[in-house]
Amino acid sequence: MTTRIILASASPFRLAMLRNAGIETEANPSRIDERAVEEAIGDAAISPENLAWILAEAKAEEVSERFPGALVIGSDQTLSLGDEVLHKASDMEEARRRLLKLSGKTHHLNSAVVLARDGKALWGHVSVARMTMRKLDPAYVGRYLSRVGDQVLRSVGVYQIEGEGIQLFDAIEGDHFTIVGMPLLQLVAELRRLGAIDG
């Protein structure tokens, strides 16, 4: 019997990543409010990695309750600059300020993936990428954003390294899939182990 695999996300990048890997997947976005989940955590000392895990788990469990028997993939990514966790920019002005804040510094992308079935998490993993941005001239940032447009608002870092965003960096430590938003190698290995994909 074929396992039904559902991605609990509206991210076209994550869906394309899975389909390009030969994994038959359908997308059914989670209905959870990520900021509400964070507020519920409150002032607890949660690391950015654990926050990504908690959000990915909440998404996977919520969607898996709606699709009994399906294997649901929840994924989330946080961006941490020192102790600060940054969220997606709400508009292009915030995107501009974000890039200037990251300019010349190293930040981390914390990408979590969780598998759930029938409302219960079965497995999870977090991978971290270390991203060192070159020193950016403010005028260049404006030109960059006008070229790439508001698609950058879909990315927590307001850049997309699979496109022109790669030009913003001096150094990157971490795999491509973690940076794009999901630790794919570890996920594929677990799907094989569970017998959900051929292997």
C-alpha atoms as a PDB file:
ATOM      1  CA  MET A   1       0.000   0.000   0.000  1.00  0.00           C
ATOM      2  CA  THR A   2       1.312   3.445  -0.944  1.00  0.00           C
ATOM      3  CA  THR A   3       1.776   5.894   1.912  1.00  0.00           C
ATOM      4  CA  ARG A   4       0.005   9.219   1.409  1.00  0.00           C
ATOM      5  CA  ILE A   5       2.550  11.977   2.038  1.00  0.00           C
ATOM      6  CA  ILE A   6       1.337  15.495   2.777  1.00  0.00           C
ATOM      7  CA  LEU A   7       3.388  18.666   3.158  1.00  0.00           C
ATOM      8  CA  ALA A   8       1.892  20.891   5.863  1.00  0.00           C
ATOM      9  CA  SER A   9       3.034  24.048   4.098  1.00  0.00           C
ATOM     10  CA  ALA A  10       2.119  26.457   1.331  1.00  0.00           C
ATOM     11  CA  SER A  11       5.800  26.956   0.475  1.00  0.00           C
ATOM     12  CA  PRO A  12       6.339  26.404  -3.252  1.00  0.00           C
ATOM     13  CA  PHE A  13      10.052  25.923  -2.539  1.00  0.00           C
ATOM     14  CA  ARG A  14       9.521  23.047  -0.111  1.00  0.00           C
ATOM     15  CA  LEU A  15       6.960  21.392  -2.368  1.00  0.00           C
ATOM     16  CA  ALA A  16       9.287  21.674  -5.383  1.00  0.00           C
ATOM     17  CA  MET A  17      12.164  20.311  -3.303  1.00  0.00           C
ATOM     18  CA  LEU A  18      10.186  17.168  -2.444  1.00  0.00           C
ATOM     19  CA  ARG A  19       8.793  16.638  -5.930  1.00  0.00           C
ATOM     20  CA  ASN A  20      12.220  17.179  -7.511  1.00  0.00           C
ATOM     21  CA  ALA A  21      13.492  14.449  -5.178  1.00  0.00           C
ATOM     22  CA  GLY A  22      10.884  12.084  -6.624  1.00  0.00           C
ATOM     23  CA  ILE A  23       8.631  12.132  -3.565  1.00  0.00           C
ATOM     24  CA  GLU A  24       4.933  12.200  -4.462  1.00  0.00           C
ATOM     25  CA  THR A  25       3.581  14.885  -2.186  1.00  0.00           C
ATOM     26  CA  GLU A  26       0.495  17.019  -1.880  1.00  0.00           C
ATOM     27  CA  ALA A  27       0.370  20.350  -0.065  1.00  0.00           C
ATOM     28  CA  ASN A  28      -2.202  21.061   2.641  1.00  0.00           C
ATOM     29  CA  PRO A  29      -1.045  24.074   4.633  1.00  0.00           C
ATOM     30  CA  SER A  30      -1.292  24.106   8.383  1.00  0.00           C
ATOM     31  CA  ARG A  31      -3.865  26.368  10.000  1.00  0.00           C
ATOM     32  CA  ILE A  32      -1.786  27.146  13.068  1.00  0.00           C
ATOM     33  CA  ASP A  33      -0.888  30.734  13.927  1.00  0.00           C
ATOM     34  CA  GLU A  34       2.897  30.679  14.327  1.00  0.00           C
ATOM     35  CA  ARG A  35       3.034  33.905  16.345  1.00  0.00           C
ATOM     36  CA  ALA A  36       0.335  32.544  18.702  1.00  0.00           C
ATOM     37  CA  VAL A  37       2.448  29.419  19.268  1.00  0.00           C
ATOM     38  CA  GLU A  38       5.428  31.631  20.075  1.00  0.00           C
ATOM     39  CA  GLU A  39       3.329  33.729  22.469  1.00  0.00           C
ATOM     40  CA  ALA A  40       2.166  30.552  24.218  1.00  0.00           C
ATOM     41  CA  ILE A  41       5.811  29.622  24.790  1.00  0.00           C
ATOM     42  CA  GLY A  42       6.197  33.006  26.462  1.00  0.00           C
ATOM     43  CA  ASP A  43       9.512  33.985  27.987  1.00  0.00           C
ATOM     44  CA  ALA A  44      10.781  30.426  28.278  1.00  0.00           C
ATOM     45  CA  ALA A  45      14.414  30.153  27.245  1.00  0.00           C
ATOM     46  CA  ILE A  46      13.829  28.386  23.929  1.00  0.00           C
ATOM     47  CA  SER A  47      16.701  28.253  21.455  1.00  0.00           C
ATOM     48  CA  PRO A  48      16.039  29.277  17.837  1.00  0.00           C
ATOM     49  CA  GLU A  49      16.624  25.633  16.852  1.00  0.00           C
ATOM     50  CA  ASN A  50      14.018  24.389  19.328  1.00  0.00           C
ATOM     51  CA  LEU A  51      11.580  27.100  18.227  1.00  0.00           C
ATOM     52  CA  ALA A  52      11.868  25.895  14.622  1.00  0.00           C
ATOM     53  CA  TRP A  53      11.247  22.316  15.838  1.00  0.00           C
ATOM     54  CA  ILE A  54       8.201  23.315  17.929  1.00  0.00           C
ATOM     55  CA  LEU A  55       6.652  25.181  14.985  1.00  0.00           C
ATOM     56  CA  ALA A  56       7.362  22.340  12.541  1.00  0.00           C
ATOM     57  CA  GLU A  57       5.867  19.835  14.990  1.00  0.00           C
ATOM     58  CA  ALA A  58       2.743  21.948  15.552  1.00  0.00           C
ATOM     59  CA  LYS A  59       2.175  22.191  11.788  1.00  0.00           C
ATOM     60  CA  ALA A  60       2.701  18.478  11.178  1.00  0.00           C
ATOM     61  CA  GLU A  61       0.455  17.402  14.053  1.00  0.00           C
ATOM     62  CA  GLU A  62      -2.360  19.809  13.135  1.00  0.00           C
ATOM     63  CA  VAL A  63      -2.499  18.678   9.509  1.00  0.00           C
ATOM     64  CA  SER A  64      -2.097  14.986  10.415  1.00  0.00           C
ATOM     65  CA  GLU A  65      -5.223  15.220  12.594  1.00  0.00           C
ATOM     66  CA  ARG A  66      -7.183  16.264   9.492  1.00  0.00           C
ATOM     67  CA  PHE A  67      -5.811  13.467   7.277  1.00  0.00           C
ATOM     68  CA  PRO A  68      -5.943  10.170   9.200  1.00  0.00           C
ATOM     69  CA  GLY A  69      -3.302   7.654   8.238  1.00  0.00           C
ATOM     70  CA  ALA A  70      -1.295  10.087   6.118  1.00  0.00           C
ATOM     71  CA  LEU A  71       2.351  10.810   6.803  1.00  0.00           C
ATOM     72  CA  VAL A  72       2.603  14.574   7.243  1.00  0.00           C
ATOM     73  CA  ILE A  73       5.749  16.660   6.836  1.00  0.00           C
ATOM     74  CA  GLY A  74       5.909  19.815   8.914  1.00  0.00           C
ATOM     75  CA  SER A  75       8.771  22.219   8.404  1.00  0.00           C
ATOM     76  CA  ASP A  76       9.790  25.595   9.729  1.00  0.00           C
ATOM     77  CA  GLN A  77      12.815  27.825   9.644  1.00  0.00           C
ATOM     78  CA  THR A  78      14.005  30.481  12.060  1.00  0.00           C
ATOM     79  CA  LEU A  79      16.697  33.065  11.483  1.00  0.00           C
ATOM     80  CA  SER A  80      18.829  33.947  14.467  1.00  0.00           C
ATOM     81  CA  LEU A  81      21.216  36.862  14.731  1.00  0.00           C
ATOM     82  CA  GLY A  82      22.952  36.379  18.045  1.00  0.00           C
ATOM     83  CA  ASP A  83      20.157  35.903  20.593  1.00  0.00           C
ATOM     84  CA  GLU A  84      17.536  37.596  18.422  1.00  0.00           C
ATOM     85  CA  VAL A  85      15.068  35.599  16.311  1.00  0.00           C
ATOM     86  CA  LEU A  86      13.922  37.445  13.203  1.00  0.00           C
ATOM     87  CA  HIS A  87      10.683  36.768  11.309  1.00  0.00           C
ATOM     88  CA  LYS A  88       9.645  37.338   7.704  1.00  0.00           C
ATOM     89  CA  ALA A  89       9.548  40.991   6.719  1.00  0.00           C
ATOM     90  CA  SER A  90       6.037  42.386   6.294  1.00  0.00           C
ATOM     91  CA  ASP A  91       6.916  44.858   3.524  1.00  0.00           C
ATOM     92  CA  MET A  92       9.782  46.047   1.344  1.00  0.00           C
ATOM     93  CA  GLU A  93      10.857  48.770   3.779  1.00  0.00           C
ATOM     94  CA  GLU A  94      11.234  46.176   6.529  1.00  0.00           C
ATOM     95  CA  ALA A  95      13.120  43.980   4.039  1.00  0.00           C
ATOM     96  CA  ARG A  96      15.528  46.856   3.379  1.00  0.00           C
ATOM     97  CA  ARG A  97      16.104  47.390   7.103  1.00  0.00           C
ATOM     98  CA  ARG A  98      16.567  43.623   7.594  1.00  0.00           C
ATOM     99  CA  LEU A  99      19.311  43.371   4.957  1.00  0.00           C
ATOM    100  CA  LEU A 100      21.128  46.365   6.436  1.00  0.00           C
ATOM    101  CA  LYS A 101      20.873  44.757   9.878  1.00  0.00           C
ATOM    102  CA  LEU A 102      22.379  41.495   8.548  1.00  0.00           C
ATOM    103  CA  SER A 103      25.031  43.327   6.498  1.00  0.00           C
ATOM    104  CA  GLY A 104      28.588  42.359   7.433  1.00  0.00           C
ATOM    105  CA  LYS A 105      27.410  39.864  10.074  1.00  0.00           C
ATOM    106  CA  THR A 106      26.962  36.122  10.466  1.00  0.00           C
ATOM    107  CA  HIS A 107      23.487  34.763  11.149  1.00  0.00           C
ATOM    108  CA  HIS A 108      22.068  31.255  11.387  1.00  0.00           C
ATOM    109  CA  LEU A 109      19.217  29.602   9.533  1.00  0.00           C
ATOM    110  CA  ASN A 110      17.672  26.890  11.693  1.00  0.00           C
ATOM    111  CA  SER A 111      15.610  24.504   9.560  1.00  0.00           C
ATOM    112  CA  ALA A 112      13.406  21.907  11.224  1.00  0.00           C
ATOM    113  CA  VAL A 113      11.424  19.033   9.765  1.00  0.00           C
ATOM    114  CA  VAL A 114       8.987  16.799  11.647  1.00  0.00           C
ATOM    115  CA  LEU A 115       6.985  13.770  10.499  1.00  0.00           C
ATOM    116  CA  ALA A 116       3.603  13.128  12.117  1.00  0.00           C
ATOM    117  CA  ARG A 117       0.754  10.661  11.709  1.00  0.00           C
ATOM    118  CA  ASP A 118      -2.699  10.840  13.305  1.00  0.00           C
ATOM    119  CA  GLY A 119      -1.838  13.859  15.436  1.00  0.00           C
ATOM    120  CA  LYS A 120       1.418  12.489  16.856  1.00  0.00           C
ATOM    121  CA  ALA A 121       4.970  13.394  15.930  1.00  0.00           C
ATOM    122  CA  LEU A 122       7.043  10.379  14.897  1.00  0.00           C
ATOM    123  CA  TRP A 123      10.416  11.915  14.127  1.00  0.00           C
ATOM    124  CA  GLY A 124      12.146  15.259  13.741  1.00  0.00           C
ATOM    125  CA  HIS A 125      15.444  16.870  12.846  1.00  0.00           C
ATOM    126  CA  VAL A 126      16.983  20.365  12.879  1.00  0.00           C
ATOM    127  CA  SER A 127      19.889  21.456  10.680  1.00  0.00           C
ATOM    128  CA  VAL A 128      21.690  24.777  11.012  1.00  0.00           C
ATOM    129  CA  ALA A 129      23.382  26.813   8.294  1.00  0.00           C
ATOM    130  CA  ARG A 130      25.852  29.586   9.108  1.00  0.00           C
ATOM    131  CA  MET A 131      25.443  32.539   6.737  1.00  0.00           C
ATOM    132  CA  THR A 132      28.005  35.368   6.542  1.00  0.00           C
ATOM    133  CA  MET A 133      26.739  38.368   4.629  1.00  0.00           C
ATOM    134  CA  ARG A 134      29.152  40.765   3.009  1.00  0.00           C
ATOM    135  CA  LYS A 135      29.091  44.440   3.942  1.00  0.00           C
ATOM    136  CA  LEU A 136      26.272  45.912   1.878  1.00  0.00           C
ATOM    137  CA  ASP A 137      26.062  49.462   0.564  1.00  0.00           C
ATOM    138  CA  PRO A 138      22.586  50.902   1.324  1.00  0.00           C
ATOM    139  CA  ALA A 139      22.167  52.080  -2.276  1.00  0.00           C
ATOM    140  CA  TYR A 140      22.971  48.571  -3.515  1.00  0.00           C
ATOM    141  CA  VAL A 141      20.349  47.116  -1.155  1.00  0.00           C
ATOM    142  CA  GLY A 142      17.730  49.402  -2.690  1.00  0.00           C
ATOM    143  CA  ARG A 143      18.709  48.396  -6.223  1.00  0.00           C
ATOM    144  CA  TYR A 144      18.800  44.716  -5.267  1.00  0.00           C
ATOM    145  CA  LEU A 145      15.300  44.811  -3.772  1.00  0.00           C
ATOM    146  CA  SER A 146      13.883  46.678  -6.772  1.00  0.00           C
ATOM    147  CA  ARG A 147      15.296  43.979  -9.064  1.00  0.00           C
ATOM    148  CA  VAL A 148      14.117  40.930  -7.112  1.00  0.00           C
ATOM    149  CA  GLY A 149      10.767  42.353  -6.004  1.00  0.00           C
ATOM    150  CA  ASP A 150       8.484  41.331  -3.184  1.00  0.00           C
ATOM    151  CA  GLN A 151       9.149  37.604  -3.623  1.00  0.00           C
ATOM    152  CA  VAL A 152      11.853  38.127  -0.952  1.00  0.00           C
ATOM    153  CA  LEU A 153       9.048  38.620   1.580  1.00  0.00           C
ATOM    154  CA  ARG A 154       8.446  34.836   1.397  1.00  0.00           C
ATOM    155  CA  SER A 155      11.897  34.208   2.880  1.00  0.00           C
ATOM    156  CA  VAL A 156      12.780  34.805   6.524  1.00  0.00           C
ATOM    157  CA  GLY A 157      16.133  36.242   5.465  1.00  0.00           C
ATOM    158  CA  VAL A 158      14.634  38.397   2.688  1.00  0.00           C
ATOM    159  CA  TYR A 159      17.005  36.794   0.227  1.00  0.00           C
ATOM    160  CA  GLN A 160      16.806  33.638  -1.837  1.00  0.00           C
ATOM    161  CA  ILE A 161      20.192  32.070  -2.468  1.00  0.00           C
ATOM    162  CA  GLU A 162      18.855  30.067  -5.382  1.00  0.00           C
ATOM    163  CA  GLY A 163      18.644  33.418  -7.200  1.00  0.00           C
ATOM    164  CA  GLU A 164      20.370  36.777  -7.022  1.00  0.00           C
ATOM    165  CA  GLY A 165      20.459  36.590  -3.222  1.00  0.00           C
ATOM    166  CA  ILE A 166      23.654  34.529  -3.461  1.00  0.00           C
ATOM    167  CA  GLN A 167      25.451  37.790  -4.305  1.00  0.00           C
ATOM    168  CA  LEU A 168      24.838  39.073  -0.770  1.00  0.00           C
ATOM    169  CA  PHE A 169      27.178  36.563   0.868  1.00  0.00           C
ATOM    170  CA  ASP A 170      30.873  36.153   1.598  1.00  0.00           C
ATOM    171  CA  ALA A 171      30.595  32.676   3.123  1.00  0.00           C
ATOM    172  CA  ILE A 172      28.021  29.945   3.698  1.00  0.00           C
ATOM    173  CA  GLU A 173      28.425  26.859   5.887  1.00  0.00           C
ATOM    174  CA  GLY A 174      25.592  24.388   5.517  1.00  0.00           C
ATOM    175  CA  ASP A 175      23.778  22.420   2.879  1.00  0.00           C
ATOM    176  CA  HIS A 176      21.588  23.977   0.201  1.00  0.00           C
ATOM    177  CA  PHE A 177      18.396  22.260   1.365  1.00  0.00           C
ATOM    178  CA  THR A 178      18.750  23.517   4.940  1.00  0.00           C
ATOM    179  CA  ILE A 179      19.156  27.047   3.601  1.00  0.00           C
ATOM    180  CA  VAL A 180      16.183  26.812   1.244  1.00  0.00           C
ATOM    181  CA  GLY A 181      14.060  25.651   4.169  1.00  0.00           C
ATOM    182  CA  MET A 182      14.096  21.916   4.895  1.00  0.00           C
ATOM    183  CA  PRO A 183      16.841  19.397   5.786  1.00  0.00           C
ATOM    184  CA  LEU A 184      16.024  17.117   2.876  1.00  0.00           C
ATOM    185  CA  LEU A 185      18.758  14.485   3.192  1.00  0.00           C
ATOM    186  CA  GLN A 186      17.730  13.562   6.726  1.00  0.00           C
ATOM    187  CA  LEU A 187      14.029  13.588   5.769  1.00  0.00           C
ATOM    188  CA  VAL A 188      14.563  11.303   2.773  1.00  0.00           C
ATOM    189  CA  ALA A 189      16.550   8.875   4.941  1.00  0.00           C
ATOM    190  CA  GLU A 190      13.708   8.716   7.483  1.00  0.00           C
ATOM    191  CA  LEU A 191      11.045   8.264   4.785  1.00  0.00           C
ATOM    192  CA  ARG A 192      13.082   5.320   3.455  1.00  0.00           C
ATOM    193  CA  ARG A 193      13.434   3.862   6.957  1.00  0.00           C
ATOM    194  CA  LEU A 194       9.665   4.073   7.430  1.00  0.00           C
ATOM    195  CA  GLY A 195       9.070   2.398   4.078  1.00  0.00           C
ATOM    196  CA  ALA A 196       7.177   5.446   2.795  1.00  0.00           C
ATOM    197  CA  ILE A 197       9.414   5.756  -0.266  1.00  0.00           C
ATOM    198  CA  ASP A 198      11.367   3.235  -2.310  1.00  0.00           C
ATOM    199  CA  GLY A 199      14.806   2.516  -1.004  1.00  0.00           C
END
